PDB file of N, CA and C in Angstrom:
ATOM      1  N   MET A   1      85.983 122.240  84.086  1.00  0.00           N
ATOM      2  CA  MET A   1      87.357 122.099  84.518  1.00  0.00           C
ATOM      3  C   MET A   1      87.741 120.620  84.649  1.00  0.00           C
ATOM      4  N   ALA A   2      86.871 119.825  85.242  1.00  0.00           N
ATOM      5  CA  ALA A   2      87.153 118.394  85.397  1.00  0.00           C
ATOM      6  C   ALA A   2      87.265 117.718  84.039  1.00  0.00           C
ATOM      7  N   ALA A   3      86.426 118.154  83.091  1.00  0.00           N
ATOM      8  CA  ALA A   3      86.473 117.574  81.744  1.00  0.00           C
ATOM      9  C   ALA A   3      87.799 117.909  81.067  1.00  0.00           C
ATOM     10  N   GLU A   4      88.303 119.115  81.299  1.00  0.00           N
ATOM     11  CA  GLU A   4      89.586 119.497  80.715  1.00  0.00           C
ATOM     12  C   GLU A   4      90.727 118.679  81.324  1.00  0.00           C
ATOM     13  N   SER A   5      90.652 118.413  82.619  1.00  0.00           N
ATOM     14  CA  SER A   5      91.663 117.570  83.266  1.00  0.00           C
ATOM     15  C   SER A   5      91.618 116.154  82.710  1.00  0.00           C
ATOM     16  N   GLU A   6      90.407 115.638  82.503  1.00  0.00           N
ATOM     17  CA  GLU A   6      90.246 114.304  81.924  1.00  0.00           C
ATOM     18  C   GLU A   6      90.817 114.276  80.507  1.00  0.00           C
ATOM     19  N   LEU A   7      90.564 115.336  79.741  1.00  0.00           N
ATOM     20  CA  LEU A   7      91.089 115.424  78.380  1.00  0.00           C
ATOM     21  C   LEU A   7      92.619 115.411  78.398  1.00  0.00           C
ATOM     22  N   ASP A   8      93.207 116.176  79.283  1.00  0.00           N
ATOM     23  CA  ASP A   8      94.673 116.199  79.405  1.00  0.00           C
ATOM     24  C   ASP A   8      95.213 114.820  79.784  1.00  0.00           C
ATOM     25  N   ARG A   9      94.525 114.144  80.692  1.00  0.00           N
ATOM     26  CA  ARG A   9      94.949 112.807  81.127  1.00  0.00           C
ATOM     27  C   ARG A   9      94.882 111.814  79.972  1.00  0.00           C
ATOM     28  N   LEU A  10      93.795 111.867  79.192  1.00  0.00           N
ATOM     29  CA  LEU A  10      93.650 110.963  78.050  1.00  0.00           C
ATOM     30  C   LEU A  10      94.722 111.231  76.997  1.00  0.00           C
ATOM     31  N   LYS A  11      94.996 112.502  76.750  1.00  0.00           N
ATOM     32  CA  LYS A  11      96.027 112.851  75.770  1.00  0.00           C
ATOM     33  C   LYS A  11      97.404 112.363  76.221  1.00  0.00           C
ATOM     34  N   ALA A  12      97.682 112.468  77.505  1.00  0.00           N
ATOM     35  CA  ALA A  12      98.968 111.988  78.031  1.00  0.00           C
ATOM     36  C   ALA A  12      99.076 110.471  77.882  1.00  0.00           C
ATOM     37  N   ARG A  13      97.994 109.752  78.159  1.00  0.00           N
ATOM     38  CA  ARG A  13      97.999 108.289  77.984  1.00  0.00           C
ATOM     39  C   ARG A  13      98.235 107.929  76.522  1.00  0.00           C
ATOM     40  N   ARG A  14      97.630 108.711  75.605  1.00  0.00           N
ATOM     41  CA  ARG A  14      97.790 108.458  74.167  1.00  0.00           C
ATOM     42  C   ARG A  14      99.247 108.648  73.756  1.00  0.00           C
ATOM     43  N   VAL A  15      99.867 109.719  74.227  1.00  0.00           N
ATOM     44  CA  VAL A  15     101.272 109.983  73.904  1.00  0.00           C
ATOM     45  C   VAL A  15     102.154 108.836  74.396  1.00  0.00           C
ATOM     46  N   THR A  16     101.889 108.355  75.598  1.00  0.00           N
ATOM     47  CA  THR A  16     102.663 107.241  76.149  1.00  0.00           C
ATOM     48  C   THR A  16     102.504 105.989  75.297  1.00  0.00           C
ATOM     49  N   ALA A  17     101.270 105.684  74.898  1.00  0.00           N
ATOM     50  CA  ALA A  17     101.023 104.500  74.064  1.00  0.00           C
ATOM     51  C   ALA A  17     101.712 104.642  72.709  1.00  0.00           C
ATOM     52  N   LEU A  18     101.649 105.839  72.118  1.00  0.00           N
ATOM     53  CA  LEU A  18     102.315 106.061  70.831  1.00  0.00           C
ATOM     54  C   LEU A  18     103.835 105.926  70.969  1.00  0.00           C
ATOM     55  N   TYR A  19     104.379 106.401  72.065  1.00  0.00           N
ATOM     56  CA  TYR A  19     105.816 106.274  72.316  1.00  0.00           C
ATOM     57  C   TYR A  19     106.209 104.799  72.400  1.00  0.00           C
ATOM     58  N   ARG A  20     105.417 104.019  73.106  1.00  0.00           N
ATOM     59  CA  ARG A  20     105.713 102.587  73.218  1.00  0.00           C
ATOM     60  C   ARG A  20     105.596 101.899  71.861  1.00  0.00           C
ATOM     61  N   LEU A  21     104.595 102.292  71.055  1.00  0.00           N
ATOM     62  CA  LEU A  21     104.472 101.728  69.707  1.00  0.00           C
ATOM     63  C   LEU A  21     105.701 102.062  68.873  1.00  0.00           C
ATOM     64  N   ASP A  22     106.199 103.281  69.014  1.00  0.00           N
ATOM     65  CA  ASP A  22     107.401 103.685  68.288  1.00  0.00           C
ATOM     66  C   ASP A  22     108.605 102.850  68.727  1.00  0.00           C
ATOM     67  N   LEU A  23     108.727 102.616  70.016  1.00  0.00           N
ATOM     68  CA  LEU A  23     109.826 101.776  70.511  1.00  0.00           C
ATOM     69  C   LEU A  23     109.748 100.372  69.923  1.00  0.00           C
ATOM     70  N   ILE A  24     108.540  99.824  69.870  1.00  0.00           N
ATOM     71  CA  ILE A  24     108.356  98.488  69.299  1.00  0.00           C
ATOM     72  C   ILE A  24     108.740  98.491  67.825  1.00  0.00           C
ATOM     73  N   ALA A  25     108.333  99.530  67.096  1.00  0.00           N
ATOM     74  CA  ALA A  25     108.663  99.630  65.672  1.00  0.00           C
ATOM     75  C   ALA A  25     110.172  99.704  65.454  1.00  0.00           C
ATOM     76  N   ARG A  26     110.892 100.258  66.429  1.00  0.00           N
ATOM     77  CA  ARG A  26     112.354 100.369  66.332  1.00  0.00           C
ATOM     78  C   ARG A  26     113.071  99.108  66.812  1.00  0.00           C
ATOM     79  N   GLY A  27     112.286  98.103  67.207  1.00  0.00           N
ATOM     80  CA  GLY A  27     112.878  96.828  67.587  1.00  0.00           C
ATOM     81  C   GLY A  27     113.080  96.605  69.073  1.00  0.00           C
ATOM     82  N   ALA A  28     112.490  97.462  69.895  1.00  0.00           N
ATOM     83  CA  ALA A  28     112.646  97.299  71.344  1.00  0.00           C
ATOM     84  C   ALA A  28     112.019  95.993  71.811  1.00  0.00           C
ATOM     85  N   ARG A  29     112.601  95.433  72.833  1.00  0.00           N
ATOM     86  CA  ARG A  29     112.077  94.220  73.469  1.00  0.00           C
ATOM     87  C   ARG A  29     111.715  94.582  74.899  1.00  0.00           C
ATOM     88  N   LEU A  30     110.460  94.476  75.232  1.00  0.00           N
ATOM     89  CA  LEU A  30     109.984  94.792  76.570  1.00  0.00           C
ATOM     90  C   LEU A  30     109.850  93.509  77.375  1.00  0.00           C
ATOM     91  N   SER A  31     109.946  93.653  78.693  1.00  0.00           N
ATOM     92  CA  SER A  31     109.769  92.478  79.554  1.00  0.00           C
ATOM     93  C   SER A  31     109.018  92.894  80.811  1.00  0.00           C
ATOM     94  N   TYR A  32     108.407  91.899  81.439  1.00  0.00           N
ATOM     95  CA  TYR A  32     107.720  92.122  82.703  1.00  0.00           C
ATOM     96  C   TYR A  32     108.757  92.312  83.799  1.00  0.00           C
ATOM     97  N   GLU A  33     108.298  92.735  84.970  1.00  0.00           N
ATOM     98  CA  GLU A  33     109.212  92.985  86.093  1.00  0.00           C
ATOM     99  C   GLU A  33     110.023  91.755  86.473  1.00  0.00           C
ATOM    100  N   ASP A  34     109.447  90.575  86.255  1.00  0.00           N
ATOM    101  CA  ASP A  34     110.166  89.347  86.614  1.00  0.00           C
ATOM    102  C   ASP A  34     111.126  88.881  85.520  1.00  0.00           C
ATOM    103  N   GLY A  35     111.238  89.664  84.442  1.00  0.00           N
ATOM    104  CA  GLY A  35     112.162  89.341  83.365  1.00  0.00           C
ATOM    105  C   GLY A  35     111.559  88.560  82.216  1.00  0.00           C
ATOM    106  N   THR A  36     110.314  88.131  82.359  1.00  0.00           N
ATOM    107  CA  THR A  36     109.637  87.391  81.297  1.00  0.00           C
ATOM    108  C   THR A  36     109.418  88.314  80.103  1.00  0.00           C
ATOM    109  N   PRO A  37     109.848  87.914  78.904  1.00  0.00           N
ATOM    110  CA  PRO A  37     109.660  88.778  77.733  1.00  0.00           C
ATOM    111  C   PRO A  37     108.184  88.916  77.358  1.00  0.00           C
ATOM    112  N   ILE A  38     107.833  90.098  76.892  1.00  0.00           N
ATOM    113  CA  ILE A  38     106.477  90.381  76.423  1.00  0.00           C
ATOM    114  C   ILE A  38     106.413  90.036  74.945  1.00  0.00           C
ATOM    115  N   ASP A  39     105.353  89.369  74.528  1.00  0.00           N
ATOM    116  CA  ASP A  39     105.139  89.069  73.110  1.00  0.00           C
ATOM    117  C   ASP A  39     104.890  90.397  72.389  1.00  0.00           C
ATOM    118  N   MET A  40     105.852  90.824  71.580  1.00  0.00           N
ATOM    119  CA  MET A  40     105.801  92.156  70.987  1.00  0.00           C
ATOM    120  C   MET A  40     104.676  92.305  69.964  1.00  0.00           C
ATOM    121  N   ALA A  41     104.339  91.249  69.242  1.00  0.00           N
ATOM    122  CA  ALA A  41     103.236  91.337  68.280  1.00  0.00           C
ATOM    123  C   ALA A  41     101.925  91.594  69.017  1.00  0.00           C
ATOM    124  N   SER A  42     101.714  90.894  70.110  1.00  0.00           N
ATOM    125  CA  SER A  42     100.498  91.093  70.907  1.00  0.00           C
ATOM    126  C   SER A  42     100.482  92.475  71.544  1.00  0.00           C
ATOM    127  N   GLU A  43     101.633  92.904  72.038  1.00  0.00           N
ATOM    128  CA  GLU A  43     101.720  94.224  72.668  1.00  0.00           C
ATOM    129  C   GLU A  43     101.466  95.326  71.646  1.00  0.00           C
ATOM    130  N   LYS A  44     101.991  95.167  70.443  1.00  0.00           N
ATOM    131  CA  LYS A  44     101.759  96.153  69.385  1.00  0.00           C
ATOM    132  C   LYS A  44     100.268  96.236  69.058  1.00  0.00           C
ATOM    133  N   GLU A  45      99.620  95.098  68.947  1.00  0.00           N
ATOM    134  CA  GLU A  45      98.184  95.057  68.661  1.00  0.00           C
ATOM    135  C   GLU A  45      97.385  95.686  69.804  1.00  0.00           C
ATOM    136  N   ARG A  46      97.758  95.364  71.029  1.00  0.00           N
ATOM    137  CA  ARG A  46      97.064  95.917  72.194  1.00  0.00           C
ATOM    138  C   ARG A  46      97.209  97.438  72.251  1.00  0.00           C
ATOM    139  N   LEU A  47      98.422  97.924  72.033  1.00  0.00           N
ATOM    140  CA  LEU A  47      98.653  99.366  72.080  1.00  0.00           C
ATOM    141  C   LEU A  47      97.932 100.093  70.950  1.00  0.00           C
ATOM    142  N   ALA A  48      97.882  99.502  69.768  1.00  0.00           N
ATOM    143  CA  ALA A  48      97.141 100.110  68.658  1.00  0.00           C
ATOM    144  C   ALA A  48      95.663 100.222  69.013  1.00  0.00           C
ATOM    145  N   SER A  49      95.136  99.215  69.671  1.00  0.00           N
ATOM    146  CA  SER A  49      93.742  99.237  70.114  1.00  0.00           C
ATOM    147  C   SER A  49      93.524 100.310  71.180  1.00  0.00           C
ATOM    148  N   VAL A  50      94.479 100.438  72.092  1.00  0.00           N
ATOM    149  CA  VAL A  50      94.397 101.465  73.136  1.00  0.00           C
ATOM    150  C   VAL A  50      94.393 102.851  72.506  1.00  0.00           C
ATOM    151  N   VAL A  51      95.275 103.089  71.537  1.00  0.00           N
ATOM    152  CA  VAL A  51      95.347 104.394  70.872  1.00  0.00           C
ATOM    153  C   VAL A  51      94.032 104.691  70.150  1.00  0.00           C
ATOM    154  N   ALA A  52      93.474 103.713  69.454  1.00  0.00           N
ATOM    155  CA  ALA A  52      92.205 103.919  68.750  1.00  0.00           C
ATOM    156  C   ALA A  52      91.093 104.263  69.739  1.00  0.00           C
ATOM    157  N   ASP A  53      91.047 103.559  70.869  1.00  0.00           N
ATOM    158  CA  ASP A  53      90.038 103.846  71.889  1.00  0.00           C
ATOM    159  C   ASP A  53      90.232 105.244  72.465  1.00  0.00           C
ATOM    160  N   LEU A  54      91.472 105.605  72.750  1.00  0.00           N
ATOM    161  CA  LEU A  54      91.747 106.941  73.277  1.00  0.00           C
ATOM    162  C   LEU A  54      91.393 108.017  72.261  1.00  0.00           C
ATOM    163  N   ASP A  55      91.661 107.779  70.984  1.00  0.00           N
ATOM    164  CA  ASP A  55      91.284 108.739  69.942  1.00  0.00           C
ATOM    165  C   ASP A  55      89.783 109.000  69.968  1.00  0.00           C
ATOM    166  N   ARG A  56      88.995 107.921  70.081  1.00  0.00           N
ATOM    167  CA  ARG A  56      87.534 108.072  70.127  1.00  0.00           C
ATOM    168  C   ARG A  56      87.103 108.844  71.375  1.00  0.00           C
ATOM    169  N   ARG A  57      87.680 108.491  72.509  1.00  0.00           N
ATOM    170  CA  ARG A  57      87.303 109.150  73.761  1.00  0.00           C
ATOM    171  C   ARG A  57      87.709 110.622  73.770  1.00  0.00           C
ATOM    172  N   ILE A  58      88.887 110.918  73.227  1.00  0.00           N
ATOM    173  CA  ILE A  58      89.358 112.307  73.152  1.00  0.00           C
ATOM    174  C   ILE A  58      88.448 113.117  72.240  1.00  0.00           C
ATOM    175  N   ALA A  59      88.113 112.569  71.076  1.00  0.00           N
ATOM    176  CA  ALA A  59      87.243 113.282  70.133  1.00  0.00           C
ATOM    177  C   ALA A  59      85.882 113.566  70.760  1.00  0.00           C
ATOM    178  N   LEU A  60      85.326 112.600  71.446  1.00  0.00           N
ATOM    179  CA  LEU A  60      84.028 112.781  72.095  1.00  0.00           C
ATOM    180  C   LEU A  60      84.102 113.862  73.162  1.00  0.00           C
ATOM    181  N   LEU A  61      85.129 113.826  73.968  1.00  0.00           N
ATOM    182  CA  LEU A  61      85.287 114.816  75.028  1.00  0.00           C
ATOM    183  C   LEU A  61      85.527 116.207  74.451  1.00  0.00           C
ATOM    184  N   GLU A  62      86.303 116.301  73.379  1.00  0.00           N
ATOM    185  CA  GLU A  62      86.544 117.606  72.747  1.00  0.00           C
ATOM    186  C   GLU A  62      85.253 118.183  72.180  1.00  0.00           C
ATOM    187  N   ARG A  63      84.397 117.324  71.633  1.00  0.00           N
ATOM    188  CA  ARG A  63      83.108 117.818  71.114  1.00  0.00           C
ATOM    189  C   ARG A  63      82.239 118.368  72.240  1.00  0.00           C
ATOM    190  N   THR A  64      82.268 117.738  73.398  1.00  0.00           N
ATOM    191  CA  THR A  64      81.444 118.222  74.509  1.00  0.00           C
ATOM    192  C   THR A  64      81.991 119.521  75.096  1.00  0.00           C
ATOM    193  N   LEU A  65      83.298 119.733  74.986  1.00  0.00           N
ATOM    194  CA  LEU A  65      83.897 120.959  75.512  1.00  0.00           C
ATOM    195  C   LEU A  65      83.724 122.147  74.571  1.00  0.00           C
ATOM    196  N   ASN A  66      83.591 121.873  73.286  1.00  0.00           N
ATOM    197  CA  ASN A  66      83.485 122.971  72.305  1.00  0.00           C
ATOM    198  C   ASN A  66      82.087 123.268  71.969  1.00  0.00           C
TER     199      ASN A  66
END
């Protein structure tokens, strides 16, 4: 049960990261709470790395559940 909850949590994080990548691809400009703009090229690279890591973790967890 805990593994299934972890899997759901990882999948939700992946969806959020993919949504942010889509926003960046559409030209969105993100900023920190203090108004400082985020370097979008770096953020895109970071999010792509996060998605790849989550893909690996999700696949590993799915193999252990099945």
